[in-house]
Structure formats: structure tokens, C-alpha cells
PDB file of N, CA and C in Angstrom:
ATOM      1  N   MET A   1       2.247  44.872-102.285  1.00  0.00           N
ATOM      2  CA  MET A   1       1.247  45.297-103.241  1.00  0.00           C
ATOM      3  C   MET A   1       0.497  44.066-103.727  1.00  0.00           C
ATOM      4  N   ALA A   2      -0.761  43.998-103.447  1.00  0.00           N
ATOM      5  CA  ALA A   2      -1.572  42.847-103.829  1.00  0.00           C
ATOM      6  C   ALA A   2      -2.316  43.144-105.117  1.00  0.00           C
ATOM      7  N   GLN A   3      -2.337  42.160-105.983  1.00  0.00           N
ATOM      8  CA  GLN A   3      -3.115  42.274-107.204  1.00  0.00           C
ATOM      9  C   GLN A   3      -4.187  41.210-107.155  1.00  0.00           C
ATOM     10  N   GLY A   4      -5.312  41.462-107.794  1.00  0.00           N
ATOM     11  CA  GLY A   4      -6.473  40.620-107.600  1.00  0.00           C
ATOM     12  C   GLY A   4      -6.709  39.553-108.633  1.00  0.00           C
ATOM     13  N   PHE A   5      -7.537  38.658-108.242  1.00  0.00           N
ATOM     14  CA  PHE A   5      -7.986  37.537-109.054  1.00  0.00           C
ATOM     15  C   PHE A   5      -9.443  37.341-108.708  1.00  0.00           C
ATOM     16  N   ALA A   6     -10.289  37.255-109.690  1.00  0.00           N
ATOM     17  CA  ALA A   6     -11.707  37.041-109.405  1.00  0.00           C
ATOM     18  C   ALA A   6     -12.224  35.875-110.211  1.00  0.00           C
ATOM     19  N   LEU A   7     -13.052  35.084-109.612  1.00  0.00           N
ATOM     20  CA  LEU A   7     -13.709  33.960-110.277  1.00  0.00           C
ATOM     21  C   LEU A   7     -15.186  34.175-110.064  1.00  0.00           C
ATOM     22  N   SER A   8     -15.925  34.400-111.146  1.00  0.00           N
ATOM     23  CA  SER A   8     -17.349  34.637-110.983  1.00  0.00           C
ATOM     24  C   SER A   8     -18.115  34.174-112.202  1.00  0.00           C
ATOM     25  N   PRO A   9     -19.348  33.691-111.975  1.00  0.00           N
ATOM     26  CA  PRO A   9     -20.189  33.314-113.102  1.00  0.00           C
ATOM     27  C   PRO A   9     -20.736  34.556-113.780  1.00  0.00           C
ATOM     28  N   VAL A  10     -20.979  34.456-115.069  1.00  0.00           N
ATOM     29  CA  VAL A  10     -21.611  35.536-115.812  1.00  0.00           C
ATOM     30  C   VAL A  10     -23.073  35.165-115.953  1.00  0.00           C
ATOM     31  N   ASP A  11     -23.943  35.945-115.349  1.00  0.00           N
ATOM     32  CA  ASP A  11     -25.371  35.645-115.353  1.00  0.00           C
ATOM     33  C   ASP A  11     -26.044  36.450-116.448  1.00  0.00           C
ATOM     34  N   ARG A  12     -26.563  35.775-117.468  1.00  0.00           N
ATOM     35  CA  ARG A  12     -27.206  36.449-118.576  1.00  0.00           C
ATOM     36  C   ARG A  12     -28.732  36.477-118.416  1.00  0.00           C
ATOM     37  N   SER A  13     -29.260  35.944-117.332  1.00  0.00           N
ATOM     38  CA  SER A  13     -30.709  35.951-117.131  1.00  0.00           C
ATOM     39  C   SER A  13     -31.146  37.295-116.560  1.00  0.00           C
ATOM     40  N   ALA A  14     -32.452  37.521-116.539  1.00  0.00           N
ATOM     41  CA  ALA A  14     -32.997  38.801-116.093  1.00  0.00           C
ATOM     42  C   ALA A  14     -32.952  38.961-114.574  1.00  0.00           C
ATOM     43  N   LYS A  15     -32.947  37.864-113.832  1.00  0.00           N
ATOM     44  CA  LYS A  15     -32.968  37.978-112.383  1.00  0.00           C
ATOM     45  C   LYS A  15     -31.588  38.364-111.850  1.00  0.00           C
ATOM     46  N   ALA A  16     -31.604  39.219-110.847  1.00  0.00           N
ATOM     47  CA  ALA A  16     -30.349  39.695-110.269  1.00  0.00           C
ATOM     48  C   ALA A  16     -29.829  38.667-109.278  1.00  0.00           C
ATOM     49  N   GLN A  17     -28.552  38.370-109.365  1.00  0.00           N
ATOM     50  CA  GLN A  17     -27.906  37.467-108.434  1.00  0.00           C
ATOM     51  C   GLN A  17     -26.601  38.103-108.005  1.00  0.00           C
ATOM     52  N   SER A  18     -26.134  37.688-106.870  1.00  0.00           N
ATOM     53  CA  SER A  18     -24.848  38.161-106.396  1.00  0.00           C
ATOM     54  C   SER A  18     -23.817  37.102-106.748  1.00  0.00           C
ATOM     55  N   PRO A  19     -22.999  37.334-107.778  1.00  0.00           N
ATOM     56  CA  PRO A  19     -22.051  36.304-108.196  1.00  0.00           C
ATOM     57  C   PRO A  19     -20.957  36.104-107.159  1.00  0.00           C
ATOM     58  N   PRO A  20     -20.549  34.861-106.950  1.00  0.00           N
ATOM     59  CA  PRO A  20     -19.452  34.620-106.026  1.00  0.00           C
ATOM     60  C   PRO A  20     -18.150  35.129-106.617  1.00  0.00           C
ATOM     61  N   THR A  21     -17.260  35.560-105.761  1.00  0.00           N
ATOM     62  CA  THR A  21     -15.940  35.966-106.221  1.00  0.00           C
ATOM     63  C   THR A  21     -14.882  35.240-105.412  1.00  0.00           C
ATOM     64  N   VAL A  22     -13.770  35.017-106.030  1.00  0.00           N
ATOM     65  CA  VAL A  22     -12.640  34.371-105.390  1.00  0.00           C
ATOM     66  C   VAL A  22     -11.442  35.263-105.624  1.00  0.00           C
ATOM     67  N   ARG A  23     -10.607  35.420-104.628  1.00  0.00           N
ATOM     68  CA  ARG A  23      -9.446  36.297-104.786  1.00  0.00           C
ATOM     69  C   ARG A  23      -8.156  35.493-104.712  1.00  0.00           C
ATOM     70  N   ILE A  24      -7.271  35.813-105.628  1.00  0.00           N
ATOM     71  CA  ILE A  24      -5.903  35.315-105.574  1.00  0.00           C
ATOM     72  C   ILE A  24      -5.026  36.539-105.666  1.00  0.00           C
ATOM     73  N   VAL A  25      -4.066  36.634-104.803  1.00  0.00           N
ATOM     74  CA  VAL A  25      -3.149  37.766-104.858  1.00  0.00           C
ATOM     75  C   VAL A  25      -1.765  37.236-105.182  1.00  0.00           C
ATOM     76  N   HIS A  26      -0.917  38.109-105.656  1.00  0.00           N
ATOM     77  CA  HIS A  26       0.453  37.659-105.892  1.00  0.00           C
ATOM     78  C   HIS A  26       1.411  38.524-105.101  1.00  0.00           C
ATOM     79  N   SER A  27       2.437  37.881-104.620  1.00  0.00           N
ATOM     80  CA  SER A  27       3.462  38.544-103.827  1.00  0.00           C
ATOM     81  C   SER A  27       4.759  38.432-104.607  1.00  0.00           C
ATOM     82  N   GLY A  28       5.416  39.533-104.841  1.00  0.00           N
ATOM     83  CA  GLY A  28       6.583  39.491-105.704  1.00  0.00           C
ATOM     84  C   GLY A  28       6.122  39.131-107.091  1.00  0.00           C
ATOM     85  N   HIS A  29       6.653  38.056-107.620  1.00  0.00           N
ATOM     86  CA  HIS A  29       6.248  37.627-108.950  1.00  0.00           C
ATOM     87  C   HIS A  29       5.503  36.298-108.935  1.00  0.00           C
ATOM     88  N   ALA A  30       5.333  35.694-107.774  1.00  0.00           N
ATOM     89  CA  ALA A  30       4.657  34.398-107.703  1.00  0.00           C
ATOM     90  C   ALA A  30       3.176  34.581-107.418  1.00  0.00           C
ATOM     91  N   CYS A  31       2.373  33.605-107.831  1.00  0.00           N
ATOM     92  CA  CYS A  31       0.943  33.616-107.518  1.00  0.00           C
ATOM     93  C   CYS A  31       0.764  32.981-106.145  1.00  0.00           C
ATOM     94  N   ASN A  32       0.035  33.616-105.285  1.00  0.00           N
ATOM     95  CA  ASN A  32      -0.246  33.079-103.955  1.00  0.00           C
ATOM     96  C   ASN A  32      -1.734  33.161-103.687  1.00  0.00           C
ATOM     97  N   VAL A  33      -2.234  32.229-102.909  1.00  0.00           N
ATOM     98  CA  VAL A  33      -3.651  32.191-102.590  1.00  0.00           C
ATOM     99  C   VAL A  33      -3.891  32.971-101.305  1.00  0.00           C
ATOM    100  N   GLU A  34      -4.877  33.846-101.324  1.00  0.00           N
ATOM    101  CA  GLU A  34      -5.287  34.568-100.118  1.00  0.00           C
ATOM    102  C   GLU A  34      -6.380  33.757 -99.452  1.00  0.00           C
ATOM    103  N   GLU A  35      -6.172  33.398 -98.206  1.00  0.00           N
ATOM    104  CA  GLU A  35      -7.174  32.609 -97.494  1.00  0.00           C
ATOM    105  C   GLU A  35      -8.453  33.417 -97.334  1.00  0.00           C
ATOM    106  N   GLU A  36      -9.569  32.751 -97.436  1.00  0.00           N
ATOM    107  CA  GLU A  36     -10.861  33.414 -97.358  1.00  0.00           C
ATOM    108  C   GLU A  36     -11.584  33.003 -96.092  1.00  0.00           C
ATOM    109  N   ARG A  37     -12.577  33.782 -95.712  1.00  0.00           N
ATOM    110  CA  ARG A  37     -13.295  33.551 -94.463  1.00  0.00           C
ATOM    111  C   ARG A  37     -14.445  32.569 -94.613  1.00  0.00           C
ATOM    112  N   TYR A  38     -14.785  32.173 -95.794  1.00  0.00           N
ATOM    113  CA  TYR A  38     -15.890  31.248 -96.005  1.00  0.00           C
ATOM    114  C   TYR A  38     -15.330  29.927 -96.500  1.00  0.00           C
ATOM    115  N   THR A  39     -16.152  28.902 -96.409  1.00  0.00           N
ATOM    116  CA  THR A  39     -15.662  27.579 -96.771  1.00  0.00           C
ATOM    117  C   THR A  39     -16.036  27.156 -98.177  1.00  0.00           C
ATOM    118  N   GLU A  40     -17.143  27.656 -98.705  1.00  0.00           N
ATOM    119  CA  GLU A  40     -17.564  27.165-100.013  1.00  0.00           C
ATOM    120  C   GLU A  40     -18.345  28.226-100.775  1.00  0.00           C
ATOM    121  N   ARG A  41     -18.115  28.276-102.075  1.00  0.00           N
ATOM    122  CA  ARG A  41     -18.880  29.135-102.972  1.00  0.00           C
ATOM    123  C   ARG A  41     -19.734  28.233-103.843  1.00  0.00           C
ATOM    124  N   VAL A  42     -21.010  28.597-103.982  1.00  0.00           N
ATOM    125  CA  VAL A  42     -21.942  27.800-104.769  1.00  0.00           C
ATOM    126  C   VAL A  42     -22.629  28.715-105.771  1.00  0.00           C
ATOM    127  N   TYR A  43     -22.719  28.254-107.018  1.00  0.00           N
ATOM    128  CA  TYR A  43     -23.463  28.974-108.042  1.00  0.00           C
ATOM    129  C   TYR A  43     -24.536  28.034-108.554  1.00  0.00           C
ATOM    130  N   THR A  44     -25.779  28.496-108.557  1.00  0.00           N
ATOM    131  CA  THR A  44     -26.911  27.690-109.009  1.00  0.00           C
ATOM    132  C   THR A  44     -27.359  28.186-110.376  1.00  0.00           C
ATOM    133  N   ILE A  45     -27.556  27.245-111.292  1.00  0.00           N
ATOM    134  CA  ILE A  45     -27.955  27.584-112.658  1.00  0.00           C
ATOM    135  C   ILE A  45     -29.017  26.594-113.119  1.00  0.00           C
ATOM    136  N   ARG A  46     -29.907  27.055-113.955  1.00  0.00           N
ATOM    137  CA  ARG A  46     -30.977  26.209-114.493  1.00  0.00           C
ATOM    138  C   ARG A  46     -30.447  25.368-115.650  1.00  0.00           C
ATOM    139  N   GLU A  47     -30.877  24.111-115.707  1.00  0.00           N
ATOM    140  CA  GLU A  47     -30.501  23.220-116.803  1.00  0.00           C
ATOM    141  C   GLU A  47     -30.896  23.851-118.138  1.00  0.00           C
ATOM    142  N   GLY A  48     -30.000  23.787-119.115  1.00  0.00           N
ATOM    143  CA  GLY A  48     -30.247  24.340-120.439  1.00  0.00           C
ATOM    144  C   GLY A  48     -29.694  25.741-120.633  1.00  0.00           C
ATOM    145  N   GLU A  49     -29.337  26.415-119.538  1.00  0.00           N
ATOM    146  CA  GLU A  49     -28.749  27.748-119.653  1.00  0.00           C
ATOM    147  C   GLU A  49     -27.256  27.636-119.950  1.00  0.00           C
ATOM    148  N   THR A  50     -26.641  28.767-120.242  1.00  0.00           N
ATOM    149  CA  THR A  50     -25.210  28.800-120.531  1.00  0.00           C
ATOM    150  C   THR A  50     -24.442  29.176-119.274  1.00  0.00           C
ATOM    151  N   LEU A  51     -23.461  28.354-118.935  1.00  0.00           N
ATOM    152  CA  LEU A  51     -22.599  28.622-117.786  1.00  0.00           C
ATOM    153  C   LEU A  51     -21.327  29.287-118.266  1.00  0.00           C
ATOM    154  N   GLU A  52     -20.986  30.402-117.661  1.00  0.00           N
ATOM    155  CA  GLU A  52     -19.701  31.051-117.908  1.00  0.00           C
ATOM    156  C   GLU A  52     -19.073  31.368-116.562  1.00  0.00           C
ATOM    157  N   LEU A  53     -17.913  30.808-116.318  1.00  0.00           N
ATOM    158  CA  LEU A  53     -17.144  31.113-115.125  1.00  0.00           C
ATOM    159  C   LEU A  53     -15.883  31.823-115.587  1.00  0.00           C
ATOM    160  N   THR A  54     -15.577  32.946-114.980  1.00  0.00           N
ATOM    161  CA  THR A  54     -14.424  33.727-115.393  1.00  0.00           C
ATOM    162  C   THR A  54     -13.387  33.755-114.284  1.00  0.00           C
ATOM    163  N   CYS A  55     -12.155  33.534-114.673  1.00  0.00           N
ATOM    164  CA  CYS A  55     -11.022  33.469-113.769  1.00  0.00           C
ATOM    165  C   CYS A  55     -10.058  34.587-114.177  1.00  0.00           C
ATOM    166  N   LEU A  56     -10.064  35.698-113.446  1.00  0.00           N
ATOM    167  CA  LEU A  56      -9.214  36.837-113.789  1.00  0.00           C
ATOM    168  C   LEU A  56      -7.964  36.811-112.921  1.00  0.00           C
ATOM    169  N   VAL A  57      -6.819  36.789-113.555  1.00  0.00           N
ATOM    170  CA  VAL A  57      -5.560  36.593-112.855  1.00  0.00           C
ATOM    171  C   VAL A  57      -4.572  37.692-113.215  1.00  0.00           C
ATOM    172  N   THR A  58      -3.776  38.090-112.248  1.00  0.00           N
ATOM    173  CA  THR A  58      -2.638  38.951-112.529  1.00  0.00           C
ATOM    174  C   THR A  58      -1.394  38.284-111.975  1.00  0.00           C
ATOM    175  N   GLY A  59      -0.271  38.547-112.569  1.00  0.00           N
ATOM    176  CA  GLY A  59       1.006  38.006-112.140  1.00  0.00           C
ATOM    177  C   GLY A  59       2.035  38.277-113.208  1.00  0.00           C
ATOM    178  N   HIS A  60       3.272  38.187-112.834  1.00  0.00           N
ATOM    179  CA  HIS A  60       4.343  38.425-113.800  1.00  0.00           C
ATOM    180  C   HIS A  60       5.396  37.343-113.628  1.00  0.00           C
ATOM    181  N   PRO A  61       5.672  36.524-114.628  1.00  0.00           N
ATOM    182  CA  PRO A  61       5.017  36.529-115.940  1.00  0.00           C
ATOM    183  C   PRO A  61       3.546  36.128-115.825  1.00  0.00           C
ATOM    184  N   ARG A  62       2.797  36.432-116.873  1.00  0.00           N
ATOM    185  CA  ARG A  62       1.356  36.166-116.902  1.00  0.00           C
ATOM    186  C   ARG A  62       1.097  34.689-116.620  1.00  0.00           C
ATOM    187  N   PRO A  63       0.263  34.387-115.618  1.00  0.00           N
ATOM    188  CA  PRO A  63      -0.016  32.984-115.287  1.00  0.00           C
ATOM    189  C   PRO A  63      -0.797  32.257-116.387  1.00  0.00           C
ATOM    190  N   GLN A  64      -0.535  30.976-116.513  1.00  0.00           N
ATOM    191  CA  GLN A  64      -1.318  30.085-117.366  1.00  0.00           C
ATOM    192  C   GLN A  64      -2.535  29.650-116.554  1.00  0.00           C
ATOM    193  N   ILE A  65      -3.678  29.538-117.206  1.00  0.00           N
ATOM    194  CA  ILE A  65      -4.911  29.156-116.524  1.00  0.00           C
ATOM    195  C   ILE A  65      -5.380  27.806-117.045  1.00  0.00           C
ATOM    196  N   ARG A  66      -5.822  26.959-116.112  1.00  0.00           N
ATOM    197  CA  ARG A  66      -6.392  25.663-116.491  1.00  0.00           C
ATOM    198  C   ARG A  66      -7.615  25.406-115.619  1.00  0.00           C
ATOM    199  N   TRP A  67      -8.718  25.066-116.270  1.00  0.00           N
ATOM    200  CA  TRP A  67      -9.949  24.687-115.582  1.00  0.00           C
ATOM    201  C   TRP A  67     -10.014  23.170-115.475  1.00  0.00           C
ATOM    202  N   THR A  68     -10.377  22.672-114.312  1.00  0.00           N
ATOM    203  CA  THR A  68     -10.610  21.240-114.128  1.00  0.00           C
ATOM    204  C   THR A  68     -11.906  21.069-113.341  1.00  0.00           C
ATOM    205  N   LYS A  69     -12.388  19.842-113.326  1.00  0.00           N
ATOM    206  CA  LYS A  69     -13.609  19.508-112.596  1.00  0.00           C
ATOM    207  C   LYS A  69     -13.316  18.294-111.735  1.00  0.00           C
ATOM    208  N   THR A  70     -13.964  18.210-110.584  1.00  0.00           N
ATOM    209  CA  THR A  70     -13.787  17.055-109.707  1.00  0.00           C
ATOM    210  C   THR A  70     -13.961  15.773-110.514  1.00  0.00           C
ATOM    211  N   ALA A  71     -13.100  14.806-110.275  1.00  0.00           N
ATOM    212  CA  ALA A  71     -13.124  13.510-110.956  1.00  0.00           C
ATOM    213  C   ALA A  71     -12.714  13.623-112.412  1.00  0.00           C
ATOM    214  N   GLY A  72     -11.770  14.487-112.708  1.00  0.00           N
ATOM    215  CA  GLY A  72     -11.228  14.539-114.062  1.00  0.00           C
ATOM    216  C   GLY A  72     -11.175  15.930-114.634  1.00  0.00           C
ATOM    217  N   SER A  73     -10.568  16.009-115.786  1.00  0.00           N
ATOM    218  CA  SER A  73     -10.434  17.279-116.484  1.00  0.00           C
ATOM    219  C   SER A  73     -11.761  17.690-117.093  1.00  0.00           C
ATOM    220  N   VAL A  74     -11.989  18.986-117.171  1.00  0.00           N
ATOM    221  CA  VAL A  74     -13.203  19.488-117.817  1.00  0.00           C
ATOM    222  C   VAL A  74     -13.260  18.988-119.253  1.00  0.00           C
ATOM    223  N   SER A  75     -12.130  18.957-119.940  1.00  0.00           N
ATOM    224  CA  SER A  75     -12.117  18.544-121.345  1.00  0.00           C
ATOM    225  C   SER A  75     -12.446  17.064-121.514  1.00  0.00           C
ATOM    226  N   ASP A  76     -12.235  16.253-120.471  1.00  0.00           N
ATOM    227  CA  ASP A  76     -12.592  14.836-120.553  1.00  0.00           C
ATOM    228  C   ASP A  76     -14.097  14.652-120.660  1.00  0.00           C
ATOM    229  N   ARG A  77     -14.856  15.595-120.123  1.00  0.00           N
ATOM    230  CA  ARG A  77     -16.297  15.441-120.051  1.00  0.00           C
ATOM    231  C   ARG A  77     -17.052  16.337-121.013  1.00  0.00           C
ATOM    232  N   PHE A  78     -16.496  17.492-121.345  1.00  0.00           N
ATOM    233  CA  PHE A  78     -17.223  18.478-122.126  1.00  0.00           C
ATOM    234  C   PHE A  78     -16.415  18.904-123.332  1.00  0.00           C
ATOM    235  N   GLN A  79     -16.874  18.535-124.486  1.00  0.00           N
ATOM    236  CA  GLN A  79     -16.161  18.880-125.708  1.00  0.00           C
ATOM    237  C   GLN A  79     -16.332  20.346-126.082  1.00  0.00           C
ATOM    238  N   ASP A  80     -17.418  20.986-125.604  1.00  0.00           N
ATOM    239  CA  ASP A  80     -17.701  22.358-126.015  1.00  0.00           C
ATOM    240  C   ASP A  80     -17.166  23.404-125.046  1.00  0.00           C
ATOM    241  N   SER A  81     -16.333  23.009-124.104  1.00  0.00           N
ATOM    242  CA  SER A  81     -15.839  23.971-123.124  1.00  0.00           C
ATOM    243  C   SER A  81     -14.397  24.363-123.422  1.00  0.00           C
ATOM    244  N   SER A  82     -14.070  25.591-123.084  1.00  0.00           N
ATOM    245  CA  SER A  82     -12.700  26.064-123.242  1.00  0.00           C
ATOM    246  C   SER A  82     -12.026  25.942-121.888  1.00  0.00           C
ATOM    247  N   VAL A  83     -11.002  25.118-121.780  1.00  0.00           N
ATOM    248  CA  VAL A  83     -10.425  24.811-120.483  1.00  0.00           C
ATOM    249  C   VAL A  83      -9.097  25.502-120.209  1.00  0.00           C
ATOM    250  N   PHE A  84      -8.499  26.150-121.189  1.00  0.00           N
ATOM    251  CA  PHE A  84      -7.229  26.827-120.970  1.00  0.00           C
ATOM    252  C   PHE A  84      -7.372  28.337-121.111  1.00  0.00           C
ATOM    253  N   ASN A  85      -8.574  28.839-121.050  1.00  0.00           N
ATOM    254  CA  ASN A  85      -8.837  30.269-121.164  1.00  0.00           C
ATOM    255  C   ASN A  85      -9.332  30.807-119.834  1.00  0.00           C
ATOM    256  N   GLU A  86      -9.392  32.129-119.718  1.00  0.00           N
ATOM    257  CA  GLU A  86      -9.907  32.746-118.501  1.00  0.00           C
ATOM    258  C   GLU A  86     -11.373  32.411-118.276  1.00  0.00           C
ATOM    259  N   THR A  87     -12.139  32.233-119.349  1.00  0.00           N
ATOM    260  CA  THR A  87     -13.567  31.964-119.209  1.00  0.00           C
ATOM    261  C   THR A  87     -13.888  30.531-119.612  1.00  0.00           C
ATOM    262  N   LEU A  88     -14.517  29.821-118.694  1.00  0.00           N
ATOM    263  CA  LEU A  88     -15.024  28.478-118.975  1.00  0.00           C
ATOM    264  C   LEU A  88     -16.456  28.651-119.456  1.00  0.00           C
ATOM    265  N   HIS A  89     -16.758  28.153-120.639  1.00  0.00           N
ATOM    266  CA  HIS A  89     -18.062  28.345-121.275  1.00  0.00           C
ATOM    267  C   HIS A  89     -18.683  26.978-121.550  1.00  0.00           C
ATOM    268  N   ILE A  90     -19.843  26.731-120.967  1.00  0.00           N
ATOM    269  CA  ILE A  90     -20.574  25.487-121.227  1.00  0.00           C
ATOM    270  C   ILE A  90     -21.984  25.870-121.662  1.00  0.00           C
ATOM    271  N   ALA A  91     -22.272  25.688-122.950  1.00  0.00           N
ATOM    272  CA  ALA A  91     -23.594  25.998-123.495  1.00  0.00           C
ATOM    273  C   ALA A  91     -24.566  24.876-123.139  1.00  0.00           C
ATOM    274  N   LYS A  92     -25.794  25.242-122.840  1.00  0.00           N
ATOM    275  CA  LYS A  92     -26.867  24.288-122.544  1.00  0.00           C
ATOM    276  C   LYS A  92     -26.430  23.268-121.494  1.00  0.00           C
ATOM    277  N   ILE A  93     -26.036  23.767-120.348  1.00  0.00           N
ATOM    278  CA  ILE A  93     -25.537  22.898-119.278  1.00  0.00           C
ATOM    279  C   ILE A  93     -26.595  21.877-118.866  1.00  0.00           C
ATOM    280  N   GLN A  94     -26.143  20.669-118.563  1.00  0.00           N
ATOM    281  CA  GLN A  94     -27.014  19.578-118.135  1.00  0.00           C
ATOM    282  C   GLN A  94     -26.750  19.274-116.661  1.00  0.00           C
ATOM    283  N   ARG A  95     -27.689  18.588-116.028  1.00  0.00           N
ATOM    284  CA  ARG A  95     -27.552  18.288-114.596  1.00  0.00           C
ATOM    285  C   ARG A  95     -26.271  17.522-114.284  1.00  0.00           C
ATOM    286  N   HIS A  96     -25.907  16.581-115.141  1.00  0.00           N
ATOM    287  CA  HIS A  96     -24.707  15.785-114.867  1.00  0.00           C
ATOM    288  C   HIS A  96     -23.424  16.619-114.964  1.00  0.00           C
ATOM    289  N   GLN A  97     -23.521  17.841-115.469  1.00  0.00           N
ATOM    290  CA  GLN A  97     -22.356  18.707-115.578  1.00  0.00           C
ATOM    291  C   GLN A  97     -22.149  19.562-114.329  1.00  0.00           C
ATOM    292  N   GLY A  98     -23.045  19.444-113.369  1.00  0.00           N
ATOM    293  CA  GLY A  98     -22.848  20.138-112.104  1.00  0.00           C
ATOM    294  C   GLY A  98     -21.686  19.508-111.354  1.00  0.00           C
ATOM    295  N   GLY A  99     -21.157  20.211-110.392  1.00  0.00           N
ATOM    296  CA  GLY A  99     -20.050  19.699-109.592  1.00  0.00           C
ATOM    297  C   GLY A  99     -19.086  20.809-109.223  1.00  0.00           C
ATOM    298  N   ARG A 100     -17.926  20.433-108.747  1.00  0.00           N
ATOM    299  CA  ARG A 100     -16.919  21.398-108.319  1.00  0.00           C
ATOM    300  C   ARG A 100     -15.938  21.661-109.460  1.00  0.00           C
ATOM    301  N   TYR A 101     -15.800  22.933-109.812  1.00  0.00           N
ATOM    302  CA  TYR A 101     -14.878  23.371-110.853  1.00  0.00           C
ATOM    303  C   TYR A 101     -13.717  24.120-110.214  1.00  0.00           C
ATOM    304  N   TYR A 102     -12.526  23.880-110.737  1.00  0.00           N
ATOM    305  CA  TYR A 102     -11.313  24.498-110.204  1.00  0.00           C
ATOM    306  C   TYR A 102     -10.641  25.345-111.270  1.00  0.00           C
ATOM    307  N   CYS A 103     -10.178  26.506-110.868  1.00  0.00           N
ATOM    308  CA  CYS A 103      -9.351  27.347-111.721  1.00  0.00           C
ATOM    309  C   CYS A 103      -7.951  27.337-111.119  1.00  0.00           C
ATOM    310  N   LYS A 104      -6.975  26.924-111.917  1.00  0.00           N
ATOM    311  CA  LYS A 104      -5.587  26.859-111.462  1.00  0.00           C
ATOM    312  C   LYS A 104      -4.775  27.867-112.260  1.00  0.00           C
ATOM    313  N   ALA A 105      -4.113  28.776-111.561  1.00  0.00           N
ATOM    314  CA  ALA A 105      -3.259  29.779-112.194  1.00  0.00           C
ATOM    315  C   ALA A 105      -1.820  29.484-111.800  1.00  0.00           C
ATOM    316  N   GLU A 106      -0.954  29.398-112.806  1.00  0.00           N
ATOM    317  CA  GLU A 106       0.432  29.010-112.557  1.00  0.00           C
ATOM    318  C   GLU A 106       1.349  29.777-113.493  1.00  0.00           C
ATOM    319  N   ASN A 107       2.431  30.320-112.945  1.00  0.00           N
ATOM    320  CA  ASN A 107       3.398  31.006-113.800  1.00  0.00           C
ATOM    321  C   ASN A 107       4.825  30.513-113.580  1.00  0.00           C
ATOM    322  N   GLY A 108       4.981  29.381-112.893  1.00  0.00           N
ATOM    323  CA  GLY A 108       6.302  28.798-112.707  1.00  0.00           C
ATOM    324  C   GLY A 108       7.071  29.359-111.526  1.00  0.00           C
ATOM    325  N   LEU A 109       6.522  30.332-110.848  1.00  0.00           N
ATOM    326  CA  LEU A 109       7.171  30.932-109.687  1.00  0.00           C
ATOM    327  C   LEU A 109       6.302  30.690-108.463  1.00  0.00           C
ATOM    328  N   GLY A 110       6.835  30.043-107.475  1.00  0.00           N
ATOM    329  CA  GLY A 110       6.034  29.730-106.297  1.00  0.00           C
ATOM    330  C   GLY A 110       5.041  28.624-106.590  1.00  0.00           C
ATOM    331  N   SER A 111       4.093  28.462-105.708  1.00  0.00           N
ATOM    332  CA  SER A 111       3.066  27.430-105.870  1.00  0.00           C
ATOM    333  C   SER A 111       1.928  27.940-106.745  1.00  0.00           C
ATOM    334  N   PRO A 112       1.257  27.039-107.461  1.00  0.00           N
ATOM    335  CA  PRO A 112       0.088  27.456-108.247  1.00  0.00           C
ATOM    336  C   PRO A 112      -1.006  27.990-107.323  1.00  0.00           C
ATOM    337  N   ALA A 113      -1.806  28.907-107.835  1.00  0.00           N
ATOM    338  CA  ALA A 113      -2.974  29.418-107.118  1.00  0.00           C
ATOM    339  C   ALA A 113      -4.184  28.642-107.621  1.00  0.00           C
ATOM    340  N   ILE A 114      -4.933  28.039-106.711  1.00  0.00           N
ATOM    341  CA  ILE A 114      -6.082  27.219-107.088  1.00  0.00           C
ATOM    342  C   ILE A 114      -7.282  27.646-106.253  1.00  0.00           C
ATOM    343  N   LYS A 115      -8.396  27.881-106.920  1.00  0.00           N
ATOM    344  CA  LYS A 115      -9.653  28.186-106.250  1.00  0.00           C
ATOM    345  C   LYS A 115     -10.763  27.381-106.907  1.00  0.00           C
ATOM    346  N   SER A 116     -11.845  27.167-106.156  1.00  0.00           N
ATOM    347  CA  SER A 116     -12.934  26.351-106.694  1.00  0.00           C
ATOM    348  C   SER A 116     -14.285  27.016-106.465  1.00  0.00           C
ATOM    349  N   ILE A 117     -15.254  26.535-107.224  1.00  0.00           N
ATOM    350  CA  ILE A 117     -16.647  26.950-107.082  1.00  0.00           C
ATOM    351  C   ILE A 117     -17.511  25.732-107.380  1.00  0.00           C
ATOM    352  N   ARG A 118     -18.552  25.532-106.574  1.00  0.00           N
ATOM    353  CA  ARG A 118     -19.468  24.424-106.826  1.00  0.00           C
ATOM    354  C   ARG A 118     -20.609  24.939-107.686  1.00  0.00           C
ATOM    355  N   VAL A 119     -20.911  24.197-108.749  1.00  0.00           N
ATOM    356  CA  VAL A 119     -22.000  24.555-109.651  1.00  0.00           C
ATOM    357  C   VAL A 119     -23.123  23.543-109.448  1.00  0.00           C
ATOM    358  N   ASP A 120     -24.282  24.039-109.040  1.00  0.00           N
ATOM    359  CA  ASP A 120     -25.472  23.202-108.888  1.00  0.00           C
ATOM    360  C   ASP A 120     -26.400  23.482-110.058  1.00  0.00           C
ATOM    361  N   VAL A 121     -26.777  22.429-110.782  1.00  0.00           N
ATOM    362  CA  VAL A 121     -27.666  22.562-111.934  1.00  0.00           C
ATOM    363  C   VAL A 121     -29.018  21.980-111.540  1.00  0.00           C
ATOM    364  N   TYR A 122     -30.076  22.770-111.711  1.00  0.00           N
ATOM    365  CA  TYR A 122     -31.422  22.291-111.355  1.00  0.00           C
ATOM    366  C   TYR A 122     -32.332  22.288-112.552  1.00  0.00           C
TER     367      TYR A 122
END
């Protein structure tokens, strides 16, 4: 029985976009990563807009979630972001805040489930 995990940006603008999704399934009680057929997910956002990435996880016990960014922790660079919640929120994103973001789900059973999304800010 597979349970899902989705990672997707929340688009509050008027234009329709197809948000990327990432799946993590769990087997038994551990979190496991389901291999995907594509190599990279990219989300493009305009500078000054609000970025919200959501990491929805299931598992028993409930997994802990941590957001990180390439070359360090998200909290090292962004004081206004929530890094231990399901939703990473960055208000008025700047170009230097673009990069690869990782969502890590861990519940102490098996290996952590980790997925990433590249955020391009223009």
C-alpha cells in the first residue's frame, strides 16, 4: 500500500501553470523514495513574488520535515522562511534566492526520503 508525498509550488498569480510534483511513498512504516522518470523539476517565479513550496508527507510515525538549499541550510540564508514545516514560504523572493531546494522527510525508520526542486527567479 503506497501513500503519497507531493512537493509543489503554490502559484498565487493569475496565469495558469502546471506545478511540479514529487512523490515519496512509504513501505511498511519507513519513508522510501519512489524513483521518477524525469531528471529535474524546475519552478520559475518572478522576482518580488512570494514563493511557497509544499511538501506533503505520510508515514507512521509522522515524518519530520526539513527544508534545505544547495550550499547550506535555508535558515542560514533566509530569516523569513519556515524550514521545519510542510510549507517553505519566502516573501518577496530575490534572484540570489534561486537555486535547488530539498525537502527531507524522516521518521527514524529506514532511510530519509529526499526530493528536490530547482527554483529559477527572473
